[in-house]
PDB file of N, CA and C in Angstrom:
ATOM      1  N   UNK A   1      16.345 -10.317   7.832  1.00  0.00           N
ATOM      2  CA  UNK A   1      15.722 -12.510   6.936  1.00  0.00           C
ATOM      3  C   UNK A   1      15.369 -12.148   5.614  1.00  0.00           C
ATOM      4  N   UNK A   2      15.525 -12.144   4.763  1.00  0.00           N
ATOM      5  CA  UNK A   2      15.333 -12.018   3.357  1.00  0.00           C
ATOM      6  C   UNK A   2      13.840 -12.580   2.992  1.00  0.00           C
ATOM      7  N   UNK A   3      13.585 -11.693   2.690  1.00  0.00           N
ATOM      8  CA  UNK A   3      11.454 -12.030   1.885  1.00  0.00           C
ATOM      9  C   UNK A   3      11.639 -12.665   1.394  1.00  0.00           C
ATOM     10  N   UNK A   4      10.694 -13.489   0.671  1.00  0.00           N
ATOM     11  CA  UNK A   4      10.322 -14.331  -0.038  1.00  0.00           C
ATOM     12  C   UNK A   4       9.600 -13.466  -1.188  1.00  0.00           C
ATOM     13  N   UNK A   5      10.305 -13.767  -2.601  1.00  0.00           N
ATOM     14  CA  UNK A   5       9.352 -12.767  -3.640  1.00  0.00           C
ATOM     15  C   UNK A   5       8.153 -12.836  -4.534  1.00  0.00           C
ATOM     16  N   UNK A   6       7.868 -12.311  -4.895  1.00  0.00           N
ATOM     17  CA  UNK A   6       6.308 -13.039  -5.669  1.00  0.00           C
ATOM     18  C   UNK A   6       5.926 -12.057  -7.026  1.00  0.00           C
ATOM     19  N   UNK A   7       6.020 -12.438  -8.063  1.00  0.00           N
ATOM     20  CA  UNK A   7       6.290 -11.415  -9.354  1.00  0.00           C
ATOM     21  C   UNK A   7       4.518 -11.681  -9.576  1.00  0.00           C
ATOM     22  N   UNK A   8       4.132  -9.773 -10.394  1.00  0.00           N
ATOM     23  CA  UNK A   8       2.712 -10.595 -10.984  1.00  0.00           C
ATOM     24  C   UNK A   8       2.904 -11.278 -12.851  1.00  0.00           C
ATOM     25  N   UNK A   9       2.328 -11.642 -13.142  1.00  0.00           N
ATOM     26  CA  UNK A   9       2.350 -12.066 -14.472  1.00  0.00           C
ATOM     27  C   UNK A   9       3.551 -10.978 -15.462  1.00  0.00           C
ATOM     28  N   UNK A  10       2.625  -9.974 -15.294  1.00  0.00           N
ATOM     29  CA  UNK A  10       2.932  -8.853 -16.427  1.00  0.00           C
ATOM     30  C   UNK A  10       4.628  -8.438 -16.291  1.00  0.00           C
ATOM     31  N   UNK A  11       5.338  -8.549 -15.088  1.00  0.00           N
ATOM     32  CA  UNK A  11       6.919  -8.533 -15.032  1.00  0.00           C
ATOM     33  C   UNK A  11       7.638  -9.032 -15.912  1.00  0.00           C
ATOM     34  N   UNK A  12       6.691 -10.296 -16.540  1.00  0.00           N
ATOM     35  CA  UNK A  12       7.419 -11.508 -16.914  1.00  0.00           C
ATOM     36  C   UNK A  12       7.811 -10.705 -18.601  1.00  0.00           C
ATOM     37  N   UNK A  13       6.553 -10.187 -18.841  1.00  0.00           N
ATOM     38  CA  UNK A  13       6.235  -9.500 -20.599  1.00  0.00           C
ATOM     39  C   UNK A  13       7.234  -7.819 -20.089  1.00  0.00           C
ATOM     40  N   UNK A  14       7.049  -7.231 -18.394  1.00  0.00           N
ATOM     41  CA  UNK A  14       8.426  -6.104 -18.335  1.00  0.00           C
ATOM     42  C   UNK A  14      10.279  -6.315 -19.321  1.00  0.00           C
ATOM     43  N   UNK A  15      10.249  -7.553 -18.208  1.00  0.00           N
ATOM     44  CA  UNK A  15      11.595  -8.199 -18.008  1.00  0.00           C
ATOM     45  C   UNK A  15      12.191  -8.652 -20.402  1.00  0.00           C
ATOM     46  N   UNK A  16      11.190  -9.909 -20.598  1.00  0.00           N
ATOM     47  CA  UNK A  16      11.405  -9.981 -21.692  1.00  0.00           C
ATOM     48  C   UNK A  16      11.584  -9.073 -23.011  1.00  0.00           C
ATOM     49  N   UNK A  17      10.833  -7.276 -22.750  1.00  0.00           N
ATOM     50  CA  UNK A  17      11.204  -6.675 -23.396  1.00  0.00           C
ATOM     51  C   UNK A  17      11.927  -6.106 -23.938  1.00  0.00           C
ATOM     52  N   UNK A  18      12.379  -5.242 -21.787  1.00  0.00           N
ATOM     53  CA  UNK A  18      13.418  -4.972 -21.445  1.00  0.00           C
ATOM     54  C   UNK A  18      14.912  -6.346 -22.820  1.00  0.00           C
ATOM     55  N   UNK A  19      14.696  -7.389 -22.229  1.00  0.00           N
ATOM     56  CA  UNK A  19      16.094  -8.080 -22.245  1.00  0.00           C
ATOM     57  C   UNK A  19      16.536  -7.831 -24.237  1.00  0.00           C
ATOM     58  N   UNK A  20      14.839  -7.930 -24.569  1.00  0.00           N
ATOM     59  CA  UNK A  20      14.922  -8.457 -26.048  1.00  0.00           C
ATOM     60  C   UNK A  20      15.221  -7.032 -26.440  1.00  0.00           C
ATOM     61  N   UNK A  21      15.257  -5.473 -25.819  1.00  0.00           N
ATOM     62  CA  UNK A  21      15.676  -4.620 -26.608  1.00  0.00           C
ATOM     63  C   UNK A  21      17.364  -3.822 -26.275  1.00  0.00           C
ATOM     64  N   UNK A  22      17.697  -5.087 -25.429  1.00  0.00           N
ATOM     65  CA  UNK A  22      19.368  -4.409 -24.459  1.00  0.00           C
ATOM     66  C   UNK A  22      19.933  -5.669 -25.803  1.00  0.00           C
ATOM     67  N   UNK A  23      19.455  -6.643 -25.956  1.00  0.00           N
ATOM     68  CA  UNK A  23      20.101  -7.978 -26.929  1.00  0.00           C
ATOM     69  C   UNK A  23      20.361  -7.697 -28.239  1.00  0.00           C
ATOM     70  N   UNK A  24      19.730  -6.849 -28.448  1.00  0.00           N
ATOM     71  CA  UNK A  24      19.250  -5.757 -30.380  1.00  0.00           C
ATOM     72  C   UNK A  24      20.373  -4.532 -29.991  1.00  0.00           C
ATOM     73  N   UNK A  25      20.779  -4.292 -28.838  1.00  0.00           N
ATOM     74  CA  UNK A  25      21.702  -3.041 -29.050  1.00  0.00           C
ATOM     75  C   UNK A  25      22.646  -3.674 -28.449  1.00  0.00           C
ATOM     76  N   UNK A  26      22.901  -4.420 -28.079  1.00  0.00           N
ATOM     77  CA  UNK A  26      24.741  -4.988 -27.382  1.00  0.00           C
ATOM     78  C   UNK A  26      24.409  -6.235 -27.336  1.00  0.00           C
ATOM     79  N   UNK A  27      23.547  -7.130 -27.948  1.00  0.00           N
ATOM     80  CA  UNK A  27      24.175  -8.191 -28.232  1.00  0.00           C
ATOM     81  C   UNK A  27      23.556  -9.137 -26.604  1.00  0.00           C
ATOM     82  N   UNK A  28      24.640 -10.313 -26.024  1.00  0.00           N
ATOM     83  CA  UNK A  28      23.544 -11.750 -25.126  1.00  0.00           C
ATOM     84  C   UNK A  28      24.715 -10.570 -24.159  1.00  0.00           C
ATOM     85  N   UNK A  29      25.929 -10.504 -24.547  1.00  0.00           N
ATOM     86  CA  UNK A  29      26.314  -9.399 -23.469  1.00  0.00           C
ATOM     87  C   UNK A  29      25.605  -9.178 -22.376  1.00  0.00           C
ATOM     88  N   UNK A  30      25.228  -7.366 -22.652  1.00  0.00           N
ATOM     89  CA  UNK A  30      24.648  -5.985 -23.265  1.00  0.00           C
ATOM     90  C   UNK A  30      23.048  -7.260 -22.110  1.00  0.00           C
ATOM     91  N   UNK A  31      22.781  -8.255 -22.692  1.00  0.00           N
ATOM     92  CA  UNK A  31      21.565  -8.843 -21.989  1.00  0.00           C
ATOM     93  C   UNK A  31      21.300  -9.340 -20.752  1.00  0.00           C
ATOM     94  N   UNK A  32      22.408  -9.783 -20.733  1.00  0.00           N
ATOM     95  CA  UNK A  32      23.288 -10.598 -19.484  1.00  0.00           C
ATOM     96  C   UNK A  32      22.949  -9.941 -18.375  1.00  0.00           C
ATOM     97  N   UNK A  33      23.913  -9.099 -18.195  1.00  0.00           N
ATOM     98  CA  UNK A  33      24.558  -8.042 -18.046  1.00  0.00           C
ATOM     99  C   UNK A  33      23.271  -7.000 -17.228  1.00  0.00           C
ATOM    100  N   UNK A  34      21.750  -7.047 -17.779  1.00  0.00           N
ATOM    101  CA  UNK A  34      20.781  -6.229 -17.716  1.00  0.00           C
ATOM    102  C   UNK A  34      19.767  -7.149 -16.329  1.00  0.00           C
ATOM    103  N   UNK A  35      20.243  -8.539 -16.912  1.00  0.00           N
ATOM    104  CA  UNK A  35      19.921  -9.376 -16.004  1.00  0.00           C
ATOM    105  C   UNK A  35      20.224  -9.475 -15.049  1.00  0.00           C
ATOM    106  N   UNK A  36      21.642  -9.369 -14.731  1.00  0.00           N
ATOM    107  CA  UNK A  36      22.780  -9.797 -13.575  1.00  0.00           C
ATOM    108  C   UNK A  36      22.003  -8.076 -12.335  1.00  0.00           C
ATOM    109  N   UNK A  37      21.592  -7.315 -13.488  1.00  0.00           N
ATOM    110  CA  UNK A  37      21.951  -6.118 -12.901  1.00  0.00           C
ATOM    111  C   UNK A  37      20.280  -5.677 -11.787  1.00  0.00           C
ATOM    112  N   UNK A  38      19.014  -6.922 -12.821  1.00  0.00           N
ATOM    113  CA  UNK A  38      18.040  -6.544 -11.683  1.00  0.00           C
ATOM    114  C   UNK A  38      18.077  -7.266 -11.262  1.00  0.00           C
ATOM    115  N   UNK A  39      18.584  -8.940 -11.732  1.00  0.00           N
ATOM    116  CA  UNK A  39      18.961  -9.804  -9.963  1.00  0.00           C
ATOM    117  C   UNK A  39      19.310  -9.366  -8.614  1.00  0.00           C
ATOM    118  N   UNK A  40      20.426  -8.615  -8.884  1.00  0.00           N
ATOM    119  CA  UNK A  40      21.343  -8.026  -7.494  1.00  0.00           C
ATOM    120  C   UNK A  40      20.643  -7.485  -6.858  1.00  0.00           C
ATOM    121  N   UNK A  41      19.410  -6.092  -7.841  1.00  0.00           N
ATOM    122  CA  UNK A  41      18.146  -5.517  -6.572  1.00  0.00           C
ATOM    123  C   UNK A  41      18.114  -6.222  -6.355  1.00  0.00           C
ATOM    124  N   UNK A  42      17.263  -7.003  -6.661  1.00  0.00           N
ATOM    125  CA  UNK A  42      15.981  -7.729  -6.336  1.00  0.00           C
ATOM    126  C   UNK A  42      16.491  -8.379  -4.654  1.00  0.00           C
ATOM    127  N   UNK A  43      17.571  -9.073  -5.459  1.00  0.00           N
ATOM    128  CA  UNK A  43      18.383  -9.352  -3.935  1.00  0.00           C
ATOM    129  C   UNK A  43      18.626  -8.374  -2.367  1.00  0.00           C
ATOM    130  N   UNK A  44      19.048  -7.173  -2.639  1.00  0.00           N
ATOM    131  CA  UNK A  44      18.952  -5.917  -1.779  1.00  0.00           C
ATOM    132  C   UNK A  44      17.426  -6.011  -1.028  1.00  0.00           C
ATOM    133  N   UNK A  45      17.215  -5.986  -1.863  1.00  0.00           N
ATOM    134  CA  UNK A  45      15.475  -5.493  -1.856  1.00  0.00           C
ATOM    135  C   UNK A  45      15.167  -7.084  -0.565  1.00  0.00           C
ATOM    136  N   UNK A  46      15.448  -7.707  -0.948  1.00  0.00           N
ATOM    137  CA  UNK A  46      14.928  -8.679  -0.422  1.00  0.00           C
ATOM    138  C   UNK A  46      15.679  -9.070   1.039  1.00  0.00           C
ATOM    139  N   UNK A  47      16.658  -8.157   1.222  1.00  0.00           N
ATOM    140  CA  UNK A  47      17.008  -7.794   2.545  1.00  0.00           C
ATOM    141  C   UNK A  47      16.915  -6.881   2.980  1.00  0.00           C
ATOM    142  N   UNK A  48      17.142  -6.394   2.635  1.00  0.00           N
ATOM    143  CA  UNK A  48      16.213  -4.805   3.276  1.00  0.00           C
ATOM    144  C   UNK A  48      15.263  -3.835   2.331  1.00  0.00           C
ATOM    145  N   UNK A  49      13.930  -4.780   2.676  1.00  0.00           N
ATOM    146  CA  UNK A  49      12.562  -4.030   1.906  1.00  0.00           C
ATOM    147  C   UNK A  49      12.379  -2.846   2.158  1.00  0.00           C
ATOM    148  N   UNK A  50      12.540  -2.537   3.215  1.00  0.00           N
ATOM    149  CA  UNK A  50      12.106  -0.592   3.606  1.00  0.00           C
ATOM    150  C   UNK A  50      13.013   0.347   2.938  1.00  0.00           C
ATOM    151  N   UNK A  51      13.991  -0.444   3.036  1.00  0.00           N
ATOM    152  CA  UNK A  51      15.415   0.946   2.473  1.00  0.00           C
ATOM    153  C   UNK A  51      14.368   1.466   1.455  1.00  0.00           C
ATOM    154  N   UNK A  52      13.815   1.682   0.600  1.00  0.00           N
ATOM    155  CA  UNK A  52      13.252   2.904  -0.505  1.00  0.00           C
ATOM    156  C   UNK A  52      11.952   3.047  -0.070  1.00  0.00           C
ATOM    157  N   UNK A  53      11.747   3.993  -0.266  1.00  0.00           N
ATOM    158  CA  UNK A  53      10.352   4.690   0.645  1.00  0.00           C
ATOM    159  C   UNK A  53       8.960   4.419  -0.875  1.00  0.00           C
ATOM    160  N   UNK A  54       7.631   5.143   0.271  1.00  0.00           N
ATOM    161  CA  UNK A  54       6.840   4.326  -0.482  1.00  0.00           C
ATOM    162  C   UNK A  54       6.343   5.621  -1.194  1.00  0.00           C
ATOM    163  N   UNK A  55       6.180   5.053  -2.390  1.00  0.00           N
ATOM    164  CA  UNK A  55       6.190   5.848  -3.738  1.00  0.00           C
ATOM    165  C   UNK A  55       4.650   6.235  -3.424  1.00  0.00           C
ATOM    166  N   UNK A  56       3.491   5.356  -3.812  1.00  0.00           N
ATOM    167  CA  UNK A  56       2.196   6.094  -4.334  1.00  0.00           C
ATOM    168  C   UNK A  56       2.042   4.443  -3.538  1.00  0.00           C
ATOM    169  N   UNK A  57       0.417   4.392  -3.427  1.00  0.00           N
ATOM    170  CA  UNK A  57      -0.473   3.575  -2.356  1.00  0.00           C
ATOM    171  C   UNK A  57       0.185   1.602  -2.238  1.00  0.00           C
ATOM    172  N   UNK A  58       1.460   2.500  -1.077  1.00  0.00           N
ATOM    173  CA  UNK A  58       1.588   0.858  -0.495  1.00  0.00           C
ATOM    174  C   UNK A  58       3.298   0.509  -1.471  1.00  0.00           C
ATOM    175  N   UNK A  59       3.444   1.190  -2.332  1.00  0.00           N
ATOM    176  CA  UNK A  59       4.018   0.547  -3.539  1.00  0.00           C
ATOM    177  C   UNK A  59       5.900   1.120  -3.593  1.00  0.00           C
ATOM    178  N   UNK A  60       6.681   0.524  -2.923  1.00  0.00           N
ATOM    179  CA  UNK A  60       8.334   1.900  -2.994  1.00  0.00           C
ATOM    180  C   UNK A  60       8.804   1.264  -4.498  1.00  0.00           C
ATOM    181  N   UNK A  61       9.687   1.992  -4.872  1.00  0.00           N
ATOM    182  CA  UNK A  61      10.541   1.851  -6.037  1.00  0.00           C
ATOM    183  C   UNK A  61      11.754   2.016  -6.029  1.00  0.00           C
ATOM    184  N   UNK A  62      12.856   0.980  -5.752  1.00  0.00           N
ATOM    185  CA  UNK A  62      14.657   0.445  -6.097  1.00  0.00           C
ATOM    186  C   UNK A  62      14.323   0.968  -7.853  1.00  0.00           C
ATOM    187  N   UNK A  63      15.533   2.239  -8.224  1.00  0.00           N
ATOM    188  CA  UNK A  63      16.499   2.252  -8.899  1.00  0.00           C
ATOM    189  C   UNK A  63      17.470   1.662  -9.843  1.00  0.00           C
ATOM    190  N   UNK A  64      17.612   0.827  -9.925  1.00  0.00           N
ATOM    191  CA  UNK A  64      18.376   0.181 -10.716  1.00  0.00           C
ATOM    192  C   UNK A  64      20.516   0.410 -11.022  1.00  0.00           C
ATOM    193  N   UNK A  65      20.724   0.497 -10.678  1.00  0.00           N
ATOM    194  CA  UNK A  65      22.359   0.676 -10.503  1.00  0.00           C
ATOM    195  C   UNK A  65      22.911   1.494 -12.741  1.00  0.00           C
ATOM    196  N   UNK A  66      23.100   0.204 -12.278  1.00  0.00           N
ATOM    197  CA  UNK A  66      23.206   0.421 -13.852  1.00  0.00           C
ATOM    198  C   UNK A  66      22.810   0.928 -15.132  1.00  0.00           C
ATOM    199  N   UNK A  67      20.850   0.586 -15.208  1.00  0.00           N
ATOM    200  CA  UNK A  67      20.722   0.424 -15.944  1.00  0.00           C
ATOM    201  C   UNK A  67      19.065   1.383 -15.721  1.00  0.00           C
ATOM    202  N   UNK A  68      19.025   2.705 -16.939  1.00  0.00           N
ATOM    203  CA  UNK A  68      17.763   3.468 -15.926  1.00  0.00           C
ATOM    204  C   UNK A  68      15.984   2.476 -16.283  1.00  0.00           C
ATOM    205  N   UNK A  69      16.017   1.967 -15.004  1.00  0.00           N
ATOM    206  CA  UNK A  69      14.840   1.222 -15.362  1.00  0.00           C
ATOM    207  C   UNK A  69      14.397   1.159 -13.749  1.00  0.00           C
ATOM    208  N   UNK A  70      13.240   1.042 -13.026  1.00  0.00           N
ATOM    209  CA  UNK A  70      12.583   1.107 -12.072  1.00  0.00           C
ATOM    210  C   UNK A  70      12.273  -0.268 -11.364  1.00  0.00           C
ATOM    211  N   UNK A  71      11.982  -1.088 -10.773  1.00  0.00           N
ATOM    212  CA  UNK A  71      11.450  -1.767  -9.407  1.00  0.00           C
ATOM    213  C   UNK A  71      10.573  -1.213  -8.981  1.00  0.00           C
ATOM    214  N   UNK A  72       9.100  -1.547  -8.968  1.00  0.00           N
ATOM    215  CA  UNK A  72       7.742  -1.670  -8.226  1.00  0.00           C
ATOM    216  C   UNK A  72       7.752  -2.245  -6.957  1.00  0.00           C
ATOM    217  N   UNK A  73       7.692  -2.139  -5.726  1.00  0.00           N
ATOM    218  CA  UNK A  73       6.994  -3.598  -5.013  1.00  0.00           C
ATOM    219  C   UNK A  73       6.283  -3.456  -4.081  1.00  0.00           C
ATOM    220  N   UNK A  74       5.776  -4.191  -3.563  1.00  0.00           N
ATOM    221  CA  UNK A  74       5.148  -3.336  -1.853  1.00  0.00           C
ATOM    222  C   UNK A  74       5.459  -4.905  -0.731  1.00  0.00           C
ATOM    223  N   UNK A  75       5.296  -4.494  -0.011  1.00  0.00           N
ATOM    224  CA  UNK A  75       6.079  -5.604   1.193  1.00  0.00           C
ATOM    225  C   UNK A  75       4.357  -6.141   1.298  1.00  0.00           C
ATOM    226  N   UNK A  76       4.286  -7.157   1.555  1.00  0.00           N
ATOM    227  CA  UNK A  76       2.885  -8.035   2.192  1.00  0.00           C
ATOM    228  C   UNK A  76       3.684  -8.883   3.165  1.00  0.00           C
ATOM    229  N   UNK A  77       3.593  -9.138   4.285  1.00  0.00           N
ATOM    230  CA  UNK A  77       3.853  -9.998   5.698  1.00  0.00           C
ATOM    231  C   UNK A  77       5.910  -9.875   5.320  1.00  0.00           C
ATOM    232  N   UNK A  78       5.695 -10.786   5.384  1.00  0.00           N
ATOM    233  CA  UNK A  78       7.544 -11.754   4.307  1.00  0.00           C
ATOM    234  C   UNK A  78       7.384 -11.681   3.041  1.00  0.00           C
ATOM    235  N   UNK A  79       6.443 -11.349   2.664  1.00  0.00           N
ATOM    236  CA  UNK A  79       7.172 -11.500   1.322  1.00  0.00           C
ATOM    237  C   UNK A  79       6.666 -10.058  -0.136  1.00  0.00           C
ATOM    238  N   UNK A  80       7.390 -10.010  -0.454  1.00  0.00           N
ATOM    239  CA  UNK A  80       7.936  -9.008  -1.775  1.00  0.00           C
ATOM    240  C   UNK A  80       6.964  -9.190  -2.697  1.00  0.00           C
ATOM    241  N   UNK A  81       5.793  -8.387  -2.943  1.00  0.00           N
ATOM    242  CA  UNK A  81       5.330  -8.217  -4.181  1.00  0.00           C
ATOM    243  C   UNK A  81       5.704  -7.334  -5.694  1.00  0.00           C
ATOM    244  N   UNK A  82       6.215  -7.903  -6.542  1.00  0.00           N
ATOM    245  CA  UNK A  82       6.554  -7.075  -7.400  1.00  0.00           C
ATOM    246  C   UNK A  82       5.702  -6.622  -8.425  1.00  0.00           C
ATOM    247  N   UNK A  83       5.072  -5.168  -8.684  1.00  0.00           N
ATOM    248  CA  UNK A  83       4.761  -5.297  -9.445  1.00  0.00           C
ATOM    249  C   UNK A  83       4.636  -4.977 -11.440  1.00  0.00           C
ATOM    250  N   UNK A  84       6.152  -4.125 -10.860  1.00  0.00           N
ATOM    251  CA  UNK A  84       6.544  -3.889 -12.073  1.00  0.00           C
ATOM    252  C   UNK A  84       7.888  -3.914 -12.489  1.00  0.00           C
ATOM    253  N   UNK A  85       9.120  -3.945 -13.388  1.00  0.00           N
ATOM    254  CA  UNK A  85      10.067  -3.420 -13.576  1.00  0.00           C
ATOM    255  C   UNK A  85      10.273  -2.334 -15.758  1.00  0.00           C
ATOM    256  N   UNK A  86      10.044  -0.913 -14.650  1.00  0.00           N
ATOM    257  CA  UNK A  86       9.841  -0.216 -15.913  1.00  0.00           C
ATOM    258  C   UNK A  86      11.689   0.549 -16.271  1.00  0.00           C
ATOM    259  N   UNK A  87      11.912   0.835 -17.431  1.00  0.00           N
ATOM    260  CA  UNK A  87      12.105   1.797 -17.843  1.00  0.00           C
ATOM    261  C   UNK A  87      11.696   3.414 -17.204  1.00  0.00           C
ATOM    262  N   UNK A  88      12.581   4.494 -16.779  1.00  0.00           N
ATOM    263  CA  UNK A  88      12.544   5.265 -15.703  1.00  0.00           C
ATOM    264  C   UNK A  88      11.467   6.313 -16.637  1.00  0.00           C
ATOM    265  N   UNK A  89      11.874   6.159 -17.866  1.00  0.00           N
ATOM    266  CA  UNK A  89      10.459   7.141 -18.802  1.00  0.00           C
ATOM    267  C   UNK A  89       9.397   6.873 -19.314  1.00  0.00           C
ATOM    268  N   UNK A  90       8.956   5.502 -18.978  1.00  0.00           N
ATOM    269  CA  UNK A  90       7.714   4.971 -18.787  1.00  0.00           C
ATOM    270  C   UNK A  90       7.029   5.662 -18.217  1.00  0.00           C
ATOM    271  N   UNK A  91       5.700   6.347 -17.658  1.00  0.00           N
ATOM    272  CA  UNK A  91       4.661   6.278 -17.087  1.00  0.00           C
ATOM    273  C   UNK A  91       4.017   5.326 -15.796  1.00  0.00           C
ATOM    274  N   UNK A  92       4.241   5.821 -14.982  1.00  0.00           N
ATOM    275  CA  UNK A  92       4.079   5.050 -13.961  1.00  0.00           C
ATOM    276  C   UNK A  92       2.323   4.755 -13.702  1.00  0.00           C
ATOM    277  N   UNK A  93       1.634   5.444 -14.981  1.00  0.00           N
ATOM    278  CA  UNK A  93       0.496   4.896 -13.793  1.00  0.00           C
ATOM    279  C   UNK A  93      -0.357   3.358 -14.804  1.00  0.00           C
ATOM    280  N   UNK A  94       0.964   3.190 -15.843  1.00  0.00           N
ATOM    281  CA  UNK A  94       0.648   2.109 -15.420  1.00  0.00           C
ATOM    282  C   UNK A  94       0.792   0.307 -14.727  1.00  0.00           C
ATOM    283  N   UNK A  95       2.414   0.640 -13.691  1.00  0.00           N
ATOM    284  CA  UNK A  95       2.073   0.000 -12.045  1.00  0.00           C
ATOM    285  C   UNK A  95       1.378   0.646 -11.412  1.00  0.00           C
ATOM    286  N   UNK A  96       0.739   2.092 -11.527  1.00  0.00           N
ATOM    287  CA  UNK A  96      -0.318   1.984 -10.489  1.00  0.00           C
ATOM    288  C   UNK A  96      -2.168   1.265 -11.195  1.00  0.00           C
ATOM    289  N   UNK A  97      -1.875   1.041 -12.098  1.00  0.00           N
ATOM    290  CA  UNK A  97      -3.067   0.325 -12.214  1.00  0.00           C
ATOM    291  C   UNK A  97      -3.409  -1.294 -11.852  1.00  0.00           C
ATOM    292  N   UNK A  98      -1.700  -1.326 -12.187  1.00  0.00           N
ATOM    293  CA  UNK A  98      -2.147  -3.483 -11.536  1.00  0.00           C
ATOM    294  C   UNK A  98      -2.214  -3.623 -10.186  1.00  0.00           C
ATOM    295  N   UNK A  99      -1.743  -2.144  -9.827  1.00  0.00           N
ATOM    296  CA  UNK A  99      -1.797  -2.745  -7.595  1.00  0.00           C
ATOM    297  C   UNK A  99      -3.529  -2.035  -7.835  1.00  0.00           C
ATOM    298  N   UNK A 100      -4.213  -2.049  -8.722  1.00  0.00           N
ATOM    299  CA  UNK A 100      -5.956  -1.628  -7.772  1.00  0.00           C
ATOM    300  C   UNK A 100      -6.714  -3.378  -7.741  1.00  0.00           C
TER     301      UNK A 100
END
């Protein structure tokens, strides 16, 4: 069973900043490749939500394959709640604050 997905409002900002960075770095092709990789990882998480271990306070972290980004999410019944999509060098405290 594939889970439904719900995003916190802050995730939109996370993604916009990342896409803007990759657009500046490599133009539209790189920006679109980033978007495709994020979508691919979210699709995988929907199919196998328990694949990734709990990291902190029921938050799981999935690493994106081709980019140094992590997707932080929580399983709630049949819904995945995406808390953040951040570069792996960013502090995770931001994510944990969103989970309170």
